[in-house]
């Protein structure tokens, strides 16, 4: 499986007031444990001129043996 930590984020503009950000995130809880890696997406909508998060989703990537 490819190393997902090096994938780029992608911004998908649905309209001038709606967008989706798709990306891979990684975090460490303890330096002795492997990184937590997940595929993530955030849907944003502009309301009264301010961008607001409408939906957030993450799917964990199984740890490599």
Protein backbone atom coordinates (compact mmCIF):
# COMPACT_ATOMS: atom_id res chain seq x y z
CA UNK A 1 0.00 0.00 0.00
CA UNK A 2 1.26 3.52 -0.81
CA UNK A 3 2.39 5.87 1.95
CA UNK A 4 -0.73 8.03 2.31
CA UNK A 5 1.01 10.74 4.36
CA UNK A 6 2.48 12.19 1.16
CA UNK A 7 -0.80 12.62 -0.71
CA UNK A 8 -1.89 16.14 -1.47
CA UNK A 9 -5.09 17.74 -0.39
CA UNK A 10 -7.72 18.49 -3.00
CA UNK A 11 -10.20 21.35 -3.00
CA UNK A 12 -13.40 20.75 -4.96
CA UNK A 13 -15.39 23.94 -5.63
CA UNK A 14 -19.06 23.07 -6.03
CA UNK A 15 -20.15 26.70 -6.42
CA UNK A 16 -19.04 30.10 -5.17
CA UNK A 17 -20.63 29.27 -1.78
CA UNK A 18 -19.94 25.54 -1.40
CA UNK A 19 -16.69 23.55 -1.39
CA UNK A 20 -15.25 20.21 -0.31
CA UNK A 21 -11.74 19.69 1.03
CA UNK A 22 -10.44 16.11 0.72
CA UNK A 23 -7.17 15.20 2.42
CA UNK A 24 -5.16 12.64 4.36
CA UNK A 25 -4.35 13.40 7.97
CA UNK A 26 -1.92 11.80 10.39
CA UNK A 27 -1.38 12.23 14.11
CA UNK A 28 0.69 10.69 16.85
CA UNK A 29 -0.73 9.87 20.27
CA UNK A 30 2.53 8.54 21.68
CA UNK A 31 5.91 8.50 19.97
CA UNK A 32 6.22 4.75 20.65
CA UNK A 33 2.99 4.00 18.76
CA UNK A 34 2.45 4.12 15.00
CA UNK A 35 0.77 7.18 13.49
CA UNK A 36 -3.00 7.36 13.22
CA UNK A 37 -3.73 7.94 9.53
CA UNK A 38 -7.17 8.71 8.09
CA UNK A 39 -8.75 9.86 4.85
CA UNK A 40 -10.77 12.98 5.62
CA UNK A 41 -13.26 15.27 3.94
CA UNK A 42 -14.81 18.53 5.05
CA UNK A 43 -17.77 20.20 3.36
CA UNK A 44 -17.98 23.99 3.73
CA UNK A 45 -20.77 26.43 2.94
CA UNK A 46 -20.64 30.21 2.94
CA UNK A 47 -23.43 31.77 5.01
CA UNK A 48 -23.70 35.55 5.41
CA UNK A 49 -20.17 35.91 4.02
CA UNK A 50 -18.57 33.47 6.48
CA UNK A 51 -17.33 29.97 5.62
CA UNK A 52 -18.82 27.35 7.95
CA UNK A 53 -18.14 23.65 8.30
CA UNK A 54 -21.28 21.77 7.27
CA UNK A 55 -20.00 18.17 7.38
CA UNK A 56 -16.82 16.40 8.47
CA UNK A 57 -15.99 12.75 7.76
CA UNK A 58 -12.95 10.57 8.43
CA UNK A 59 -12.14 6.99 7.58
CA UNK A 60 -9.20 5.40 9.42
CA UNK A 61 -6.54 3.72 7.27
CA UNK A 62 -5.60 0.33 8.81
CA UNK A 63 -2.10 0.22 10.33
CA UNK A 64 0.57 -1.48 8.23
CA UNK A 65 1.96 -4.72 9.71
